[in-house]
């Protein structure tokens, strides 16, 4: 199924998982997927893996999600360190395994490693995928501006280029202030970006983790969020439950304001994902 068809019928719910680290058997991810399936997500996206080292695992996991678990899957594909020949190989492998959806990314830079140079921007990869396949292509976006972009105007222009290249839906980076998302959504509409935008939500697990993630993506931590985090940082169970409650409150507000979909960054933690989803299950229209 092409995932862009989902939005014609319902508010979508999707998850992100990542392949295990290289020193962990890849099979461990399948118990996680089995548990996540209890929430009945519309699809699960699978990251490319740390340093690109798990690219084949990404495809294997996506194929298992679709064929064994009966859930649609989207494979992440970062282009920065891929040649066109390598990208064609990845596309061929995905097609052979029955994958129809790909999340096309520029990808993170790695210190000391030169990019391949064939895909300078995500839009270059999007165009290449559309020219060489019939995949549904998903794009990423930053409600608080891409860390390497000068300002929101430039970022929205770049996003419009990516959508015009062939993205049929978007998933946002994590954010903790819904007003930021609503402002971003309004700006994209003014720019003529009219594809569905899923809101990326990351539940808080611990203070160290969330500070690392927000540093990487430059997400703002609202006063309310900081108060919760500082109050419960030394109590892991309370921090977990407060994080669940905060994510639930975000999702309730987003759905009330007609968000196209919710994309939950699960961090491979089905307990937290299922707790959140059970609290908001009745809000998703079908």
C-alpha atoms as a PDB file:
ATOM      1  CA  UNK A   1       0.000   0.000   0.000  1.00  0.00           C
ATOM      2  CA  UNK A   2       1.182   3.521  -0.803  1.00  0.00           C
ATOM      3  CA  UNK A   3       1.016   5.285   2.550  1.00  0.00           C
ATOM      4  CA  UNK A   4      -0.144   8.630   1.162  1.00  0.00           C
ATOM      5  CA  UNK A   5      -3.520   6.944   0.578  1.00  0.00           C
ATOM      6  CA  UNK A   6      -4.036   6.688   4.346  1.00  0.00           C
ATOM      7  CA  UNK A   7      -4.769  10.361   4.813  1.00  0.00           C
ATOM      8  CA  UNK A   8      -7.818  10.307   2.575  1.00  0.00           C
ATOM      9  CA  UNK A   9      -9.564   8.127   5.144  1.00  0.00           C
ATOM     10  CA  UNK A  10      -8.264   8.782   8.662  1.00  0.00           C
ATOM     11  CA  UNK A  11      -5.879  10.444  11.066  1.00  0.00           C
ATOM     12  CA  UNK A  12      -2.860   8.205  10.763  1.00  0.00           C
ATOM     13  CA  UNK A  13      -0.824   6.635  13.555  1.00  0.00           C
ATOM     14  CA  UNK A  14       2.698   5.461  12.863  1.00  0.00           C
ATOM     15  CA  UNK A  15       5.830   4.452  14.734  1.00  0.00           C
ATOM     16  CA  UNK A  16       9.561   4.714  14.194  1.00  0.00           C
ATOM     17  CA  UNK A  17      11.933   1.932  15.232  1.00  0.00           C
ATOM     18  CA  UNK A  18      15.653   1.486  14.679  1.00  0.00           C
ATOM     19  CA  UNK A  19      17.780  -1.605  14.009  1.00  0.00           C
ATOM     20  CA  UNK A  20      19.725  -2.852  17.035  1.00  0.00           C
ATOM     21  CA  UNK A  21      23.306  -1.705  17.496  1.00  0.00           C
ATOM     22  CA  UNK A  22      25.949  -3.694  15.666  1.00  0.00           C
ATOM     23  CA  UNK A  23      26.891  -5.681  18.787  1.00  0.00           C
ATOM     24  CA  UNK A  24      23.266  -6.795  19.322  1.00  0.00           C
ATOM     25  CA  UNK A  25      21.555  -9.523  17.266  1.00  0.00           C
ATOM     26  CA  UNK A  26      19.178  -7.918  14.771  1.00  0.00           C
ATOM     27  CA  UNK A  27      16.546 -10.507  15.714  1.00  0.00           C
ATOM     28  CA  UNK A  28      15.915  -8.683  18.988  1.00  0.00           C
ATOM     29  CA  UNK A  29      13.910  -6.059  17.098  1.00  0.00           C
ATOM     30  CA  UNK A  30      11.170  -8.545  16.218  1.00  0.00           C
ATOM     31  CA  UNK A  31       9.919  -8.899  19.794  1.00  0.00           C
ATOM     32  CA  UNK A  32       9.655  -5.099  19.869  1.00  0.00           C
ATOM     33  CA  UNK A  33       7.665  -5.049  16.629  1.00  0.00           C
ATOM     34  CA  UNK A  34       5.376  -7.800  17.900  1.00  0.00           C
ATOM     35  CA  UNK A  35       4.607  -5.758  21.017  1.00  0.00           C
ATOM     36  CA  UNK A  36       4.147  -2.529  19.062  1.00  0.00           C
ATOM     37  CA  UNK A  37       1.639  -4.258  16.823  1.00  0.00           C
ATOM     38  CA  UNK A  38      -0.811  -4.328  19.733  1.00  0.00           C
ATOM     39  CA  UNK A  39      -1.460  -0.608  19.130  1.00  0.00           C
ATOM     40  CA  UNK A  40      -2.410  -1.315  15.499  1.00  0.00           C
ATOM     41  CA  UNK A  41      -0.295   1.398  13.844  1.00  0.00           C
ATOM     42  CA  UNK A  42      -0.956   2.253  10.220  1.00  0.00           C
ATOM     43  CA  UNK A  43       2.734   1.848   9.455  1.00  0.00           C
ATOM     44  CA  UNK A  44       6.157   1.528  11.025  1.00  0.00           C
ATOM     45  CA  UNK A  45       9.232   3.299   9.678  1.00  0.00           C
ATOM     46  CA  UNK A  46      12.669   1.790  10.159  1.00  0.00           C
ATOM     47  CA  UNK A  47      15.792   3.941  10.372  1.00  0.00           C
ATOM     48  CA  UNK A  48      18.893   3.213   8.325  1.00  0.00           C
ATOM     49  CA  UNK A  49      20.891   2.344  11.426  1.00  0.00           C
ATOM     50  CA  UNK A  50      23.813   4.040  13.121  1.00  0.00           C
ATOM     51  CA  UNK A  51      26.393   5.116  10.589  1.00  0.00           C
ATOM     52  CA  UNK A  52      24.512   3.391   7.796  1.00  0.00           C
ATOM     53  CA  UNK A  53      25.886   0.073   8.972  1.00  0.00           C
ATOM     54  CA  UNK A  54      22.492  -1.593   9.132  1.00  0.00           C
ATOM     55  CA  UNK A  55      21.150  -0.751   5.677  1.00  0.00           C
ATOM     56  CA  UNK A  56      20.398  -4.374   4.784  1.00  0.00           C
ATOM     57  CA  UNK A  57      18.867  -4.915   8.218  1.00  0.00           C
ATOM     58  CA  UNK A  58      16.552  -1.976   7.552  1.00  0.00           C
ATOM     59  CA  UNK A  59      15.201  -3.656   4.446  1.00  0.00           C
ATOM     60  CA  UNK A  60      14.926  -7.046   6.183  1.00  0.00           C
ATOM     61  CA  UNK A  61      13.041  -5.504   9.103  1.00  0.00           C
ATOM     62  CA  UNK A  62      10.675  -3.613   6.799  1.00  0.00           C
ATOM     63  CA  UNK A  63       9.930  -6.786   4.863  1.00  0.00           C
ATOM     64  CA  UNK A  64       9.189  -8.664   8.096  1.00  0.00           C
ATOM     65  CA  UNK A  65       6.922  -5.883   9.387  1.00  0.00           C
ATOM     66  CA  UNK A  66       4.872  -6.076   6.216  1.00  0.00           C
ATOM     67  CA  UNK A  67       4.885  -9.796   5.504  1.00  0.00           C
ATOM     68  CA  UNK A  68       4.949 -11.371   8.968  1.00  0.00           C
ATOM     69  CA  UNK A  69       3.139  -8.753  11.025  1.00  0.00           C
ATOM     70  CA  UNK A  70       0.740  -7.424   8.397  1.00  0.00           C
ATOM     71  CA  UNK A  71       1.696  -3.778   9.013  1.00  0.00           C
ATOM     72  CA  UNK A  72       2.837  -1.411   6.279  1.00  0.00           C
ATOM     73  CA  UNK A  73       6.480  -0.312   6.489  1.00  0.00           C
ATOM     74  CA  UNK A  74       8.619   2.571   5.307  1.00  0.00           C
ATOM     75  CA  UNK A  75      12.387   2.245   4.901  1.00  0.00           C
ATOM     76  CA  UNK A  76      14.616   5.200   5.706  1.00  0.00           C
ATOM     77  CA  UNK A  77      17.169   5.978   3.001  1.00  0.00           C
ATOM     78  CA  UNK A  78      19.761   8.730   3.639  1.00  0.00           C
ATOM     79  CA  UNK A  79      21.578   9.820   0.507  1.00  0.00           C
ATOM     80  CA  UNK A  80      24.602  11.763   1.725  1.00  0.00           C
ATOM     81  CA  UNK A  81      27.041   8.827   1.608  1.00  0.00           C
ATOM     82  CA  UNK A  82      25.401   6.933  -1.254  1.00  0.00           C
ATOM     83  CA  UNK A  83      26.469   6.942  -4.878  1.00  0.00           C
ATOM     84  CA  UNK A  84      23.742   6.722  -7.500  1.00  0.00           C
ATOM     85  CA  UNK A  85      24.762   3.110  -8.156  1.00  0.00           C
ATOM     86  CA  UNK A  86      24.378   2.262  -4.462  1.00  0.00           C
ATOM     87  CA  UNK A  87      21.024   4.017  -4.299  1.00  0.00           C
ATOM     88  CA  UNK A  88      19.815   1.997  -7.282  1.00  0.00           C
ATOM     89  CA  UNK A  89      20.915  -1.175  -5.514  1.00  0.00           C
ATOM     90  CA  UNK A  90      18.985  -0.197  -2.384  1.00  0.00           C
ATOM     91  CA  UNK A  91      15.890   0.635  -4.459  1.00  0.00           C
ATOM     92  CA  UNK A  92      16.101  -2.727  -6.231  1.00  0.00           C
ATOM     93  CA  UNK A  93      16.396  -4.608  -2.937  1.00  0.00           C
ATOM     94  CA  UNK A  94      13.391  -2.767  -1.500  1.00  0.00           C
ATOM     95  CA  UNK A  95      11.282  -3.499  -4.561  1.00  0.00           C
ATOM     96  CA  UNK A  96      12.280  -7.171  -4.482  1.00  0.00           C
ATOM     97  CA  UNK A  97      11.152  -7.421  -0.837  1.00  0.00           C
ATOM     98  CA  UNK A  98       7.779  -5.799  -1.522  1.00  0.00           C
ATOM     99  CA  UNK A  99       8.524  -2.428   0.088  1.00  0.00           C
ATOM    100  CA  UNK A 100       6.522   0.414  -1.480  1.00  0.00           C
ATOM    101  CA  UNK A 101       7.355   3.351   0.787  1.00  0.00           C
ATOM    102  CA  UNK A 102      10.654   5.081   1.454  1.00  0.00           C
ATOM    103  CA  UNK A 103      11.574   7.998   3.712  1.00  0.00           C
ATOM    104  CA  UNK A 104      14.158   9.915   1.673  1.00  0.00           C
ATOM    105  CA  UNK A 105      16.662  11.885   3.752  1.00  0.00           C
ATOM    106  CA  UNK A 106      19.861  13.739   3.169  1.00  0.00           C
ATOM    107  CA  UNK A 107      21.217  12.096   6.302  1.00  0.00           C
ATOM    108  CA  UNK A 108      23.519  13.255   9.081  1.00  0.00           C
ATOM    109  CA  UNK A 109      27.107  14.196   8.395  1.00  0.00           C
ATOM    110  CA  UNK A 110      29.786  11.984   9.940  1.00  0.00           C
ATOM    111  CA  UNK A 111      32.958  13.570  11.209  1.00  0.00           C
ATOM    112  CA  UNK A 112      35.968  12.747   9.081  1.00  0.00           C
ATOM    113  CA  UNK A 113      33.984  11.199   6.226  1.00  0.00           C
ATOM    114  CA  UNK A 114      33.438  12.882   2.882  1.00  0.00           C
ATOM    115  CA  UNK A 115      29.946  12.707   1.346  1.00  0.00           C
ATOM    116  CA  UNK A 116      29.650  10.744  -1.891  1.00  0.00           C
ATOM    117  CA  UNK A 117      28.475  13.894  -3.642  1.00  0.00           C
ATOM    118  CA  UNK A 118      25.668  12.419  -5.748  1.00  0.00           C
ATOM    119  CA  UNK A 119      22.883  13.585  -3.420  1.00  0.00           C
ATOM    120  CA  UNK A 120      23.758  16.930  -1.907  1.00  0.00           C
ATOM    121  CA  UNK A 121      20.199  17.558  -0.725  1.00  0.00           C
ATOM    122  CA  UNK A 122      17.275  15.315   0.166  1.00  0.00           C
ATOM    123  CA  UNK A 123      15.402  16.751  -2.834  1.00  0.00           C
ATOM    124  CA  UNK A 124      18.099  15.299  -5.127  1.00  0.00           C
ATOM    125  CA  UNK A 125      17.459  11.842  -3.687  1.00  0.00           C
ATOM    126  CA  UNK A 126      13.682  12.287  -3.906  1.00  0.00           C
ATOM    127  CA  UNK A 127      13.944  13.126  -7.620  1.00  0.00           C
ATOM    128  CA  UNK A 128      16.239  10.150  -8.203  1.00  0.00           C
ATOM    129  CA  UNK A 129      13.883   7.712  -6.457  1.00  0.00           C
ATOM    130  CA  UNK A 130      10.883   8.989  -8.414  1.00  0.00           C
ATOM    131  CA  UNK A 131      12.796   8.703 -11.694  1.00  0.00           C
ATOM    132  CA  UNK A 132      13.833   5.117 -10.968  1.00  0.00           C
ATOM    133  CA  UNK A 133      10.836   3.615  -9.141  1.00  0.00           C
ATOM    134  CA  UNK A 134       7.145   3.943  -8.402  1.00  0.00           C
ATOM    135  CA  UNK A 135       7.702   4.206  -4.634  1.00  0.00           C
ATOM    136  CA  UNK A 136       5.695   6.489  -2.425  1.00  0.00           C
ATOM    137  CA  UNK A 137       8.300   8.932  -1.128  1.00  0.00           C
ATOM    138  CA  UNK A 138       8.055  10.495   2.335  1.00  0.00           C
ATOM    139  CA  UNK A 139      10.053  13.555   3.362  1.00  0.00           C
ATOM    140  CA  UNK A 140      11.245  14.920   6.696  1.00  0.00           C
ATOM    141  CA  UNK A 141      10.676  18.470   7.924  1.00  0.00           C
ATOM    142  CA  UNK A 142      11.676  20.659  10.861  1.00  0.00           C
ATOM    143  CA  UNK A 143       9.008  22.783  12.584  1.00  0.00           C
ATOM    144  CA  UNK A 144      11.822  24.744  14.279  1.00  0.00           C
ATOM    145  CA  UNK A 145      14.068  25.066  11.192  1.00  0.00           C
ATOM    146  CA  UNK A 146      16.713  22.624  10.005  1.00  0.00           C
ATOM    147  CA  UNK A 147      19.883  23.068  12.116  1.00  0.00           C
ATOM    148  CA  UNK A 148      21.925  23.907   8.990  1.00  0.00           C
ATOM    149  CA  UNK A 149      19.418  26.368   7.534  1.00  0.00           C
ATOM    150  CA  UNK A 150      19.709  30.112   8.068  1.00  0.00           C
ATOM    151  CA  UNK A 151      16.039  30.884   8.712  1.00  0.00           C
ATOM    152  CA  UNK A 152      12.483  29.585   8.444  1.00  0.00           C
ATOM    153  CA  UNK A 153      11.860  31.237   5.066  1.00  0.00           C
ATOM    154  CA  UNK A 154      14.809  29.471   3.469  1.00  0.00           C
ATOM    155  CA  UNK A 155      13.844  26.217   5.153  1.00  0.00           C
ATOM    156  CA  UNK A 156      10.271  26.359   3.852  1.00  0.00           C
ATOM    157  CA  UNK A 157      11.551  27.122   0.338  1.00  0.00           C
ATOM    158  CA  UNK A 158      13.824  24.081   0.515  1.00  0.00           C
ATOM    159  CA  UNK A 159      10.914  21.984   1.753  1.00  0.00           C
ATOM    160  CA  UNK A 160       8.765  23.157  -1.162  1.00  0.00           C
ATOM    161  CA  UNK A 161      11.543  22.064  -3.530  1.00  0.00           C
ATOM    162  CA  UNK A 162      11.562  18.635  -1.891  1.00  0.00           C
ATOM    163  CA  UNK A 163       7.802  18.250  -2.136  1.00  0.00           C
ATOM    164  CA  UNK A 164       7.805  19.388  -5.763  1.00  0.00           C
ATOM    165  CA  UNK A 165      10.490  16.774  -6.440  1.00  0.00           C
ATOM    166  CA  UNK A 166       8.040  14.038  -5.475  1.00  0.00           C
ATOM    167  CA  UNK A 167       7.345  13.788  -1.740  1.00  0.00           C
ATOM    168  CA  UNK A 168       3.704  12.911  -1.181  1.00  0.00           C
ATOM    169  CA  UNK A 169       3.743  13.235   2.623  1.00  0.00           C
ATOM    170  CA  UNK A 170       5.937  14.656   5.387  1.00  0.00           C
ATOM    171  CA  UNK A 171       6.948  13.678   8.918  1.00  0.00           C
ATOM    172  CA  UNK A 172       8.214  16.322  11.321  1.00  0.00           C
ATOM    173  CA  UNK A 173      11.198  16.162  13.591  1.00  0.00           C
ATOM    174  CA  UNK A 174      10.261  15.984  17.273  1.00  0.00           C
ATOM    175  CA  UNK A 175       8.863  19.070  18.997  1.00  0.00           C
ATOM    176  CA  UNK A 176       7.426  19.783  22.450  1.00  0.00           C
ATOM    177  CA  UNK A 177       5.368  22.928  21.860  1.00  0.00           C
ATOM    178  CA  UNK A 178       2.325  22.381  19.663  1.00  0.00           C
ATOM    179  CA  UNK A 179       2.093  26.079  18.840  1.00  0.00           C
ATOM    180  CA  UNK A 180       5.407  25.681  17.014  1.00  0.00           C
ATOM    181  CA  UNK A 181       3.831  22.991  14.860  1.00  0.00           C
ATOM    182  CA  UNK A 182       0.699  25.032  14.130  1.00  0.00           C
ATOM    183  CA  UNK A 183       2.805  28.016  13.084  1.00  0.00           C
ATOM    184  CA  UNK A 184       4.896  25.768  10.844  1.00  0.00           C
ATOM    185  CA  UNK A 185       1.790  24.187   9.311  1.00  0.00           C
ATOM    186  CA  UNK A 186       0.386  27.620   8.488  1.00  0.00           C
ATOM    187  CA  UNK A 187       3.623  28.690   6.827  1.00  0.00           C
ATOM    188  CA  UNK A 188       3.774  25.535   4.708  1.00  0.00           C
ATOM    189  CA  UNK A 189       0.200  26.103   3.535  1.00  0.00           C
ATOM    190  CA  UNK A 190       1.042  29.696   2.542  1.00  0.00           C
ATOM    191  CA  UNK A 191       4.052  28.344   0.603  1.00  0.00           C
ATOM    192  CA  UNK A 192       1.789  26.003  -1.370  1.00  0.00           C
ATOM    193  CA  UNK A 193       2.882  22.813   0.362  1.00  0.00           C
ATOM    194  CA  UNK A 194      -0.320  20.814   0.400  1.00  0.00           C
ATOM    195  CA  UNK A 195       0.762  17.273   1.284  1.00  0.00           C
ATOM    196  CA  UNK A 196      -0.169  15.596   4.598  1.00  0.00           C
ATOM    197  CA  UNK A 197       2.145  16.402   7.511  1.00  0.00           C
ATOM    198  CA  UNK A 198       2.477  13.919  10.367  1.00  0.00           C
ATOM    199  CA  UNK A 199       3.540  15.357  13.720  1.00  0.00           C
ATOM    200  CA  UNK A 200       6.604  13.653  15.206  1.00  0.00           C
ATOM    201  CA  UNK A 201       6.208  13.036  18.943  1.00  0.00           C
ATOM    202  CA  UNK A 202       8.968  11.709  21.205  1.00  0.00           C
ATOM    203  CA  UNK A 203       7.993  10.631  24.732  1.00  0.00           C
ATOM    204  CA  UNK A 204      10.502  11.565  27.416  1.00  0.00           C
ATOM    205  CA  UNK A 205      12.338   8.596  28.904  1.00  0.00           C
ATOM    206  CA  UNK A 206      15.054  10.416  30.818  1.00  0.00           C
ATOM    207  CA  UNK A 207      16.615  13.868  30.997  1.00  0.00           C
ATOM    208  CA  UNK A 208      19.978  12.896  29.499  1.00  0.00           C
ATOM    209  CA  UNK A 209      18.364  11.297  26.469  1.00  0.00           C
ATOM    210  CA  UNK A 210      16.063  14.193  25.691  1.00  0.00           C
ATOM    211  CA  UNK A 211      18.820  16.806  26.086  1.00  0.00           C
ATOM    212  CA  UNK A 212      20.958  14.865  23.623  1.00  0.00           C
ATOM    213  CA  UNK A 213      18.116  14.631  21.106  1.00  0.00           C
ATOM    214  CA  UNK A 214      17.164  18.283  21.387  1.00  0.00           C
ATOM    215  CA  UNK A 215      20.787  19.314  20.925  1.00  0.00           C
ATOM    216  CA  UNK A 216      20.946  17.313  17.709  1.00  0.00           C
ATOM    217  CA  UNK A 217      17.729  18.685  16.218  1.00  0.00           C
ATOM    218  CA  UNK A 218      17.597  22.099  17.954  1.00  0.00           C
ATOM    219  CA  UNK A 219      14.125  21.534  19.411  1.00  0.00           C
ATOM    220  CA  UNK A 220      12.964  24.041  22.039  1.00  0.00           C
ATOM    221  CA  UNK A 221      12.021  22.840  25.501  1.00  0.00           C
ATOM    222  CA  UNK A 222       9.024  24.843  26.810  1.00  0.00           C
ATOM    223  CA  UNK A 223       8.919  26.013  30.441  1.00  0.00           C
ATOM    224  CA  UNK A 224       6.176  23.496  31.271  1.00  0.00           C
ATOM    225  CA  UNK A 225       8.263  20.671  29.885  1.00  0.00           C
ATOM    226  CA  UNK A 226      11.420  21.799  31.710  1.00  0.00           C
ATOM    227  CA  UNK A 227       9.523  22.014  35.002  1.00  0.00           C
ATOM    228  CA  UNK A 228       8.350  18.412  34.630  1.00  0.00           C
ATOM    229  CA  UNK A 229      11.794  17.185  33.625  1.00  0.00           C
ATOM    230  CA  UNK A 230      13.574  18.938  36.497  1.00  0.00           C
ATOM    231  CA  UNK A 231      10.978  17.764  39.005  1.00  0.00           C
ATOM    232  CA  UNK A 232      11.178  14.066  38.153  1.00  0.00           C
ATOM    233  CA  UNK A 233      14.654  13.549  36.649  1.00  0.00           C
ATOM    234  CA  UNK A 234      15.874  11.568  39.671  1.00  0.00           C
ATOM    235  CA  UNK A 235      12.844   9.269  39.778  1.00  0.00           C
ATOM    236  CA  UNK A 236      12.900   7.043  36.653  1.00  0.00           C
ATOM    237  CA  UNK A 237       9.346   5.714  37.043  1.00  0.00           C
ATOM    238  CA  UNK A 238       7.859   9.148  37.725  1.00  0.00           C
ATOM    239  CA  UNK A 239       9.870  10.598  34.797  1.00  0.00           C
ATOM    240  CA  UNK A 240       8.560   7.879  32.513  1.00  0.00           C
ATOM    241  CA  UNK A 241       4.951   8.379  33.574  1.00  0.00           C
ATOM    242  CA  UNK A 242       5.211  12.172  33.350  1.00  0.00           C
ATOM    243  CA  UNK A 243       6.693  11.809  29.870  1.00  0.00           C
ATOM    244  CA  UNK A 244       3.806   9.572  28.831  1.00  0.00           C
ATOM    245  CA  UNK A 245       1.309  12.092  30.177  1.00  0.00           C
ATOM    246  CA  UNK A 246       3.005  14.977  28.358  1.00  0.00           C
ATOM    247  CA  UNK A 247       3.007  13.085  25.045  1.00  0.00           C
ATOM    248  CA  UNK A 248      -0.658  12.178  25.504  1.00  0.00           C
ATOM    249  CA  UNK A 249      -1.548  15.831  26.120  1.00  0.00           C
ATOM    250  CA  UNK A 250       0.320  16.847  22.965  1.00  0.00           C
ATOM    251  CA  UNK A 251      -1.462  14.216  20.881  1.00  0.00           C
ATOM    252  CA  UNK A 252      -4.929  15.082  22.241  1.00  0.00           C
ATOM    253  CA  UNK A 253      -4.392  18.727  21.326  1.00  0.00           C
ATOM    254  CA  UNK A 254      -2.953  17.895  17.891  1.00  0.00           C
ATOM    255  CA  UNK A 255      -5.858  15.636  16.956  1.00  0.00           C
ATOM    256  CA  UNK A 256      -8.349  18.246  18.190  1.00  0.00           C
ATOM    257  CA  UNK A 257      -6.638  20.645  15.794  1.00  0.00           C
ATOM    258  CA  UNK A 258      -6.980  18.277  12.828  1.00  0.00           C
ATOM    259  CA  UNK A 259      -3.419  17.034  12.509  1.00  0.00           C
ATOM    260  CA  UNK A 260      -2.970  14.689   9.534  1.00  0.00           C
ATOM    261  CA  UNK A 261      -1.252  12.063  11.637  1.00  0.00           C
ATOM    262  CA  UNK A 262       0.911  11.218  14.636  1.00  0.00           C
ATOM    263  CA  UNK A 263       4.351   9.659  14.180  1.00  0.00           C
ATOM    264  CA  UNK A 264       5.639   8.300  17.481  1.00  0.00           C
ATOM    265  CA  UNK A 265       9.396   8.014  17.962  1.00  0.00           C
ATOM    266  CA  UNK A 266       9.215   4.852  20.067  1.00  0.00           C
ATOM    267  CA  UNK A 267      12.940   4.473  20.866  1.00  0.00           C
ATOM    268  CA  UNK A 268      12.162   0.742  20.575  1.00  0.00           C
ATOM    269  CA  UNK A 269      10.171   0.910  23.805  1.00  0.00           C
ATOM    270  CA  UNK A 270       6.790  -0.767  23.267  1.00  0.00           C
ATOM    271  CA  UNK A 271       5.649  -0.265  26.867  1.00  0.00           C
ATOM    272  CA  UNK A 272       5.692   3.514  26.512  1.00  0.00           C
ATOM    273  CA  UNK A 273       4.265   3.501  22.991  1.00  0.00           C
ATOM    274  CA  UNK A 274       1.397   1.214  23.940  1.00  0.00           C
ATOM    275  CA  UNK A 275       0.587   3.215  27.079  1.00  0.00           C
ATOM    276  CA  UNK A 276       0.305   6.377  25.004  1.00  0.00           C
ATOM    277  CA  UNK A 277      -1.713   4.748  22.261  1.00  0.00           C
ATOM    278  CA  UNK A 278      -4.183   3.124  24.662  1.00  0.00           C
ATOM    279  CA  UNK A 279      -4.882   6.556  26.157  1.00  0.00           C
ATOM    280  CA  UNK A 280      -5.692   8.158  22.793  1.00  0.00           C
ATOM    281  CA  UNK A 281      -7.027   5.233  20.757  1.00  0.00           C
ATOM    282  CA  UNK A 282     -10.599   6.532  20.608  1.00  0.00           C
ATOM    283  CA  UNK A 283      -9.478   9.868  19.168  1.00  0.00           C
ATOM    284  CA  UNK A 284      -8.267   8.507  15.853  1.00  0.00           C
ATOM    285  CA  UNK A 285     -11.034   8.708  13.264  1.00  0.00           C
ATOM    286  CA  UNK A 286     -11.382   5.798  10.891  1.00  0.00           C
END
